Amino acid sequence: MNNSMAILAMLVGLTLPVLAQDGGPLIVLTDGNASIAVLGLTVDQTVGKDVYDTDGNLLGTVSRVLGDDADTPLALTVGGSGRIVVLELASTELINNRIVIQLTGEEYEGLPAFEN
């Protein structure tokens, strides 16, 4: 693993606990109509949507939307390649009706697996 991937993996691992500090652990948002402003989608429109890297390669599929409370989405769980990772919503955008994460496929593969 090169230095930038190691640093990215470390930052993601450190960021998620910080995201959850204010309101406890992250929870699964269950209101399908809850808005995810950064994507301009609802929870129901997001779950099941494919996630792509900056090169247009399919990384996985959104399985859950997480937040620090039922009204504040902060992250997505994405399954692919036999594992699940957590991606901050702040690093995603909707481009041509696709969720795109601002990582390369190699950087995505370097992210730590999510343990539920």
N, C-alpha and C. Protein backbone atom coordinates (compact mmCIF):
# COMPACT_ATOMS: atom_id res chain seq x y z
N MET A 1 0.86 -1.17 0.00
CA MET A 1 0.00 0.00 0.00
C MET A 1 0.90 1.23 0.00
N ASN A 2 0.64 2.15 -0.93
CA ASN A 2 1.48 3.34 -0.97
C ASN A 2 1.08 4.31 0.14
N ASN A 3 1.89 5.34 0.33
CA ASN A 3 1.65 6.26 1.45
C ASN A 3 0.32 6.98 1.38
N SER A 4 -0.11 7.43 0.19
CA SER A 4 -1.37 8.16 0.11
C SER A 4 -2.54 7.26 0.46
N MET A 5 -2.50 5.98 0.06
CA MET A 5 -3.59 5.06 0.42
C MET A 5 -3.58 4.77 1.92
N ALA A 6 -2.42 4.63 2.51
CA ALA A 6 -2.33 4.38 3.94
C ALA A 6 -2.87 5.57 4.72
N ILE A 7 -2.54 6.76 4.28
CA ILE A 7 -3.03 7.97 4.95
C ILE A 7 -4.54 8.07 4.79
N LEU A 8 -5.06 7.79 3.59
CA LEU A 8 -6.49 7.85 3.36
C LEU A 8 -7.22 6.84 4.25
N ALA A 9 -6.73 5.61 4.32
CA ALA A 9 -7.37 4.59 5.15
C ALA A 9 -7.37 5.02 6.61
N MET A 10 -6.27 5.61 7.06
CA MET A 10 -6.19 6.08 8.43
C MET A 10 -7.19 7.20 8.68
N LEU A 11 -7.27 8.15 7.74
CA LEU A 11 -8.20 9.27 7.90
C LEU A 11 -9.65 8.81 7.93
N VAL A 12 -10.00 7.87 7.06
CA VAL A 12 -11.37 7.36 7.07
C VAL A 12 -11.65 6.67 8.39
N GLY A 13 -10.71 5.89 8.86
CA GLY A 13 -10.89 5.21 10.15
C GLY A 13 -11.03 6.18 11.30
N LEU A 14 -10.34 7.30 11.22
CA LEU A 14 -10.42 8.30 12.28
C LEU A 14 -11.65 9.19 12.14
N THR A 15 -12.10 9.41 10.94
CA THR A 15 -13.21 10.32 10.70
C THR A 15 -14.53 9.75 11.18
N LEU A 16 -14.79 8.48 10.95
CA LEU A 16 -16.09 7.93 11.30
C LEU A 16 -16.39 8.04 12.78
N PRO A 17 -15.46 7.72 13.69
CA PRO A 17 -15.78 7.94 15.09
C PRO A 17 -16.06 9.41 15.40
N VAL A 18 -15.35 10.32 14.73
CA VAL A 18 -15.59 11.74 14.94
C VAL A 18 -17.00 12.09 14.49
N LEU A 19 -17.44 11.55 13.36
CA LEU A 19 -18.79 11.80 12.88
C LEU A 19 -19.81 11.40 13.93
N ALA A 20 -19.55 10.32 14.63
CA ALA A 20 -20.52 9.79 15.56
C ALA A 20 -20.39 10.35 16.98
N GLN A 21 -19.36 11.11 17.27
CA GLN A 21 -19.11 11.56 18.64
C GLN A 21 -20.24 12.38 19.23
N ASP A 22 -20.81 13.28 18.45
CA ASP A 22 -21.80 14.19 18.99
C ASP A 22 -23.07 13.48 19.42
N GLY A 23 -23.52 12.48 18.68
CA GLY A 23 -24.78 11.84 18.99
C GLY A 23 -24.66 10.37 19.27
N GLY A 24 -23.50 9.87 19.59
CA GLY A 24 -23.32 8.46 19.82
C GLY A 24 -23.00 7.74 18.52
N PRO A 25 -23.20 6.44 18.51
CA PRO A 25 -22.86 5.68 17.30
C PRO A 25 -23.79 6.03 16.14
N LEU A 26 -23.28 5.82 14.94
CA LEU A 26 -24.10 6.07 13.76
C LEU A 26 -25.25 5.06 13.72
N ILE A 27 -26.41 5.52 13.28
CA ILE A 27 -27.59 4.66 13.19
C ILE A 27 -28.02 4.54 11.73
N VAL A 28 -28.76 3.49 11.44
CA VAL A 28 -29.30 3.30 10.10
C VAL A 28 -30.55 4.16 9.97
N LEU A 29 -30.62 4.98 8.94
CA LEU A 29 -31.81 5.79 8.69
C LEU A 29 -32.88 4.89 8.09
N THR A 30 -34.05 4.88 8.70
CA THR A 30 -35.13 4.00 8.27
C THR A 30 -36.26 4.73 7.56
N ASP A 31 -36.28 6.05 7.62
CA ASP A 31 -37.30 6.82 6.92
C ASP A 31 -36.89 6.93 5.46
N GLY A 32 -37.57 6.18 4.60
CA GLY A 32 -37.23 6.16 3.19
C GLY A 32 -37.37 7.49 2.49
N ASN A 33 -38.15 8.40 3.09
CA ASN A 33 -38.36 9.72 2.50
C ASN A 33 -37.38 10.77 3.02
N ALA A 34 -36.51 10.38 3.94
CA ALA A 34 -35.52 11.33 4.47
C ALA A 34 -34.62 11.80 3.34
N SER A 35 -34.35 13.09 3.32
CA SER A 35 -33.57 13.70 2.25
C SER A 35 -32.07 13.60 2.50
N ILE A 36 -31.35 13.32 1.43
CA ILE A 36 -29.89 13.34 1.45
C ILE A 36 -29.49 14.51 0.54
N ALA A 37 -29.32 15.66 1.15
CA ALA A 37 -29.14 16.92 0.40
C ALA A 37 -27.97 16.88 -0.57
N VAL A 38 -26.84 16.33 -0.16
CA VAL A 38 -25.65 16.35 -1.01
C VAL A 38 -25.89 15.59 -2.32
N LEU A 39 -26.78 14.61 -2.29
CA LEU A 39 -27.07 13.84 -3.50
C LEU A 39 -28.37 14.27 -4.18
N GLY A 40 -29.20 15.00 -3.44
CA GLY A 40 -30.50 15.39 -4.00
C GLY A 40 -31.43 14.19 -4.14
N LEU A 41 -31.25 13.20 -3.28
CA LEU A 41 -32.04 11.97 -3.31
C LEU A 41 -32.62 11.70 -1.93
N THR A 42 -33.59 10.79 -1.86
CA THR A 42 -34.09 10.31 -0.58
C THR A 42 -33.33 9.04 -0.21
N VAL A 43 -33.54 8.57 1.00
CA VAL A 43 -32.92 7.32 1.43
C VAL A 43 -33.34 6.19 0.50
N ASP A 44 -34.65 6.08 0.21
CA ASP A 44 -35.13 5.02 -0.69
C ASP A 44 -34.51 5.10 -2.07
N GLN A 45 -34.26 6.29 -2.58
CA GLN A 45 -33.66 6.45 -3.90
C GLN A 45 -32.17 6.11 -3.89
N THR A 46 -31.55 6.15 -2.72
CA THR A 46 -30.11 5.93 -2.59
C THR A 46 -29.77 4.47 -2.35
N VAL A 47 -30.53 3.80 -1.47
CA VAL A 47 -30.27 2.39 -1.18
C VAL A 47 -30.49 1.57 -2.46
N GLY A 48 -29.50 0.76 -2.78
CA GLY A 48 -29.55 -0.05 -3.99
C GLY A 48 -28.88 0.60 -5.19
N LYS A 49 -28.49 1.86 -5.04
CA LYS A 49 -27.84 2.59 -6.13
C LYS A 49 -26.36 2.19 -6.18
N ASP A 50 -25.84 2.08 -7.40
CA ASP A 50 -24.43 1.74 -7.58
C ASP A 50 -23.54 2.95 -7.30
N VAL A 51 -22.31 2.66 -6.83
CA VAL A 51 -21.32 3.69 -6.53
C VAL A 51 -20.12 3.47 -7.44
N TYR A 52 -19.63 4.56 -8.02
CA TYR A 52 -18.53 4.52 -8.98
C TYR A 52 -17.36 5.34 -8.47
N ASP A 53 -16.15 4.99 -8.94
CA ASP A 53 -14.97 5.78 -8.61
C ASP A 53 -14.83 6.92 -9.62
N THR A 54 -13.79 7.71 -9.47
CA THR A 54 -13.59 8.88 -10.33
C THR A 54 -13.30 8.50 -11.78
N ASP A 55 -12.91 7.25 -12.02
CA ASP A 55 -12.64 6.78 -13.39
C ASP A 55 -13.86 6.12 -14.03
N GLY A 56 -14.98 6.07 -13.29
CA GLY A 56 -16.20 5.46 -13.82
C GLY A 56 -16.33 3.98 -13.59
N ASN A 57 -15.46 3.41 -12.76
CA ASN A 57 -15.52 1.98 -12.46
C ASN A 57 -16.51 1.72 -11.33
N LEU A 58 -17.32 0.68 -11.48
CA LEU A 58 -18.27 0.29 -10.45
C LEU A 58 -17.53 -0.24 -9.23
N LEU A 59 -17.83 0.33 -8.05
CA LEU A 59 -17.19 -0.10 -6.81
C LEU A 59 -18.09 -1.01 -5.98
N GLY A 60 -19.37 -0.71 -5.96
CA GLY A 60 -20.29 -1.49 -5.16
C GLY A 60 -21.66 -0.84 -5.16
N THR A 61 -22.51 -1.32 -4.26
CA THR A 61 -23.90 -0.87 -4.17
C THR A 61 -24.20 -0.38 -2.76
N VAL A 62 -24.94 0.70 -2.66
CA VAL A 62 -25.33 1.25 -1.36
C VAL A 62 -26.29 0.28 -0.68
N SER A 63 -25.96 -0.10 0.55
CA SER A 63 -26.85 -0.98 1.30
C SER A 63 -27.59 -0.25 2.42
N ARG A 64 -26.98 0.80 2.97
CA ARG A 64 -27.62 1.55 4.05
C ARG A 64 -27.16 2.99 4.04
N VAL A 65 -27.99 3.84 4.60
CA VAL A 65 -27.63 5.24 4.85
C VAL A 65 -27.52 5.38 6.36
N LEU A 66 -26.41 5.94 6.84
CA LEU A 66 -26.15 6.09 8.26
C LEU A 66 -26.15 7.56 8.66
N GLY A 67 -26.54 7.83 9.90
CA GLY A 67 -26.51 9.19 10.41
C GLY A 67 -26.32 9.19 11.90
N ASP A 68 -26.12 10.39 12.47
CA ASP A 68 -25.99 10.47 13.92
C ASP A 68 -27.36 10.57 14.58
N ASP A 69 -28.41 10.82 13.79
CA ASP A 69 -29.80 10.73 14.23
C ASP A 69 -30.65 10.43 13.01
N ALA A 70 -31.94 10.25 13.21
CA ALA A 70 -32.83 9.82 12.12
C ALA A 70 -32.99 10.86 11.02
N ASP A 71 -32.58 12.09 11.26
CA ASP A 71 -32.77 13.16 10.28
C ASP A 71 -31.48 13.70 9.68
N THR A 72 -30.33 13.16 10.05
CA THR A 72 -29.06 13.71 9.60
C THR A 72 -28.19 12.64 8.96
N PRO A 73 -28.37 12.39 7.65
CA PRO A 73 -27.54 11.40 6.99
C PRO A 73 -26.09 11.89 6.88
N LEU A 74 -25.15 11.00 7.18
CA LEU A 74 -23.73 11.35 7.16
C LEU A 74 -22.88 10.42 6.31
N ALA A 75 -23.33 9.18 6.13
CA ALA A 75 -22.48 8.19 5.47
C ALA A 75 -23.33 7.12 4.79
N LEU A 76 -22.67 6.37 3.91
CA LEU A 76 -23.29 5.25 3.21
C LEU A 76 -22.48 4.00 3.48
N THR A 77 -23.15 2.86 3.62
CA THR A 77 -22.42 1.60 3.58
C THR A 77 -22.52 1.10 2.15
N VAL A 78 -21.39 0.67 1.62
CA VAL A 78 -21.31 0.23 0.23
C VAL A 78 -20.69 -1.16 0.21
N GLY A 79 -21.41 -2.09 -0.41
CA GLY A 79 -20.94 -3.46 -0.52
C GLY A 79 -20.44 -3.75 -1.92
N GLY A 80 -19.31 -4.42 -1.97
CA GLY A 80 -18.73 -4.82 -3.24
C GLY A 80 -17.42 -5.54 -2.99
N SER A 81 -17.03 -6.40 -3.86
CA SER A 81 -15.77 -7.15 -3.73
C SER A 81 -15.73 -7.98 -2.44
N GLY A 82 -16.90 -8.46 -2.01
CA GLY A 82 -16.95 -9.33 -0.84
C GLY A 82 -16.80 -8.64 0.50
N ARG A 83 -16.92 -7.31 0.54
CA ARG A 83 -16.82 -6.60 1.82
C ARG A 83 -17.67 -5.34 1.78
N ILE A 84 -17.84 -4.75 2.94
CA ILE A 84 -18.62 -3.52 3.07
C ILE A 84 -17.72 -2.44 3.65
N VAL A 85 -17.80 -1.23 3.08
CA VAL A 85 -17.07 -0.08 3.61
C VAL A 85 -18.06 1.04 3.88
N VAL A 86 -17.63 2.00 4.67
CA VAL A 86 -18.43 3.19 4.95
C VAL A 86 -17.80 4.37 4.23
N LEU A 87 -18.65 5.10 3.50
CA LEU A 87 -18.19 6.28 2.77
C LEU A 87 -18.93 7.50 3.30
N GLU A 88 -18.19 8.54 3.60
CA GLU A 88 -18.81 9.80 4.04
C GLU A 88 -19.59 10.41 2.88
N LEU A 89 -20.78 10.88 3.16
CA LEU A 89 -21.58 11.54 2.13
C LEU A 89 -20.88 12.78 1.58
N ALA A 90 -20.10 13.45 2.41
CA ALA A 90 -19.42 14.67 1.98
C ALA A 90 -18.44 14.41 0.83
N SER A 91 -18.02 13.15 0.65
CA SER A 91 -17.07 12.84 -0.42
C SER A 91 -17.77 12.22 -1.63
N THR A 92 -19.10 12.33 -1.68
CA THR A 92 -19.86 11.79 -2.80
C THR A 92 -20.58 12.90 -3.55
N GLU A 93 -20.93 12.60 -4.79
CA GLU A 93 -21.77 13.51 -5.55
C GLU A 93 -22.56 12.70 -6.56
N LEU A 94 -23.65 13.27 -7.03
CA LEU A 94 -24.47 12.62 -8.04
C LEU A 94 -24.10 13.21 -9.39
N ILE A 95 -23.59 12.37 -10.28
CA ILE A 95 -23.20 12.80 -11.62
C ILE A 95 -23.89 11.87 -12.61
N ASN A 96 -24.70 12.46 -13.50
CA ASN A 96 -25.44 11.67 -14.50
C ASN A 96 -26.21 10.52 -13.84
N ASN A 97 -26.87 10.84 -12.73
CA ASN A 97 -27.68 9.87 -11.97
C ASN A 97 -26.85 8.71 -11.40
N ARG A 98 -25.55 8.92 -11.21
CA ARG A 98 -24.66 7.94 -10.59
C ARG A 98 -24.05 8.56 -9.35
N ILE A 99 -23.92 7.75 -8.29
CA ILE A 99 -23.19 8.21 -7.12
C ILE A 99 -21.71 8.00 -7.41
N VAL A 100 -20.96 9.07 -7.32
CA VAL A 100 -19.52 9.02 -7.59
C VAL A 100 -18.78 9.43 -6.32
N ILE A 101 -17.81 8.61 -5.93
CA ILE A 101 -16.98 8.90 -4.76
C ILE A 101 -15.66 9.46 -5.26
N GLN A 102 -15.16 10.46 -4.61
CA GLN A 102 -13.94 11.12 -5.05
C GLN A 102 -12.69 10.33 -4.62
N LEU A 103 -12.67 9.06 -5.03
CA LEU A 103 -11.54 8.17 -4.79
C LEU A 103 -11.30 7.37 -6.06
N THR A 104 -10.08 6.91 -6.24
CA THR A 104 -9.82 5.95 -7.31
C THR A 104 -10.22 4.57 -6.80
N GLY A 105 -10.32 3.63 -7.69
CA GLY A 105 -10.64 2.26 -7.29
C GLY A 105 -9.60 1.70 -6.34
N GLU A 106 -8.35 2.04 -6.57
CA GLU A 106 -7.27 1.57 -5.71
C GLU A 106 -7.41 2.15 -4.29
N GLU A 107 -7.74 3.43 -4.19
CA GLU A 107 -7.94 4.06 -2.88
C GLU A 107 -9.15 3.44 -2.17
N TYR A 108 -10.21 3.17 -2.93
CA TYR A 108 -11.40 2.53 -2.36
C TYR A 108 -11.04 1.16 -1.79
N GLU A 109 -10.29 0.38 -2.53
CA GLU A 109 -9.89 -0.95 -2.07
C GLU A 109 -9.04 -0.87 -0.80
N GLY A 110 -8.36 0.24 -0.57
CA GLY A 110 -7.54 0.41 0.61
C GLY A 110 -8.32 0.82 1.85
N LEU A 111 -9.61 1.12 1.70
CA LEU A 111 -10.42 1.51 2.86
C LEU A 111 -10.66 0.32 3.78
N PRO A 112 -10.74 0.56 5.07
CA PRO A 112 -10.99 -0.54 6.01
C PRO A 112 -12.41 -1.06 5.85
N ALA A 113 -12.58 -2.37 6.07
CA ALA A 113 -13.91 -2.97 6.00
C ALA A 113 -14.75 -2.50 7.19
N PHE A 114 -16.05 -2.35 6.94
CA PHE A 114 -17.00 -1.94 7.97
C PHE A 114 -17.44 -3.18 8.74
N GLU A 115 -17.34 -3.11 10.04
CA GLU A 115 -17.78 -4.20 10.92
C GLU A 115 -19.07 -3.77 11.57
N ASN A 116 -20.19 -4.43 11.21
CA ASN A 116 -21.44 -4.04 11.84
C ASN A 116 -21.68 -4.79 13.10
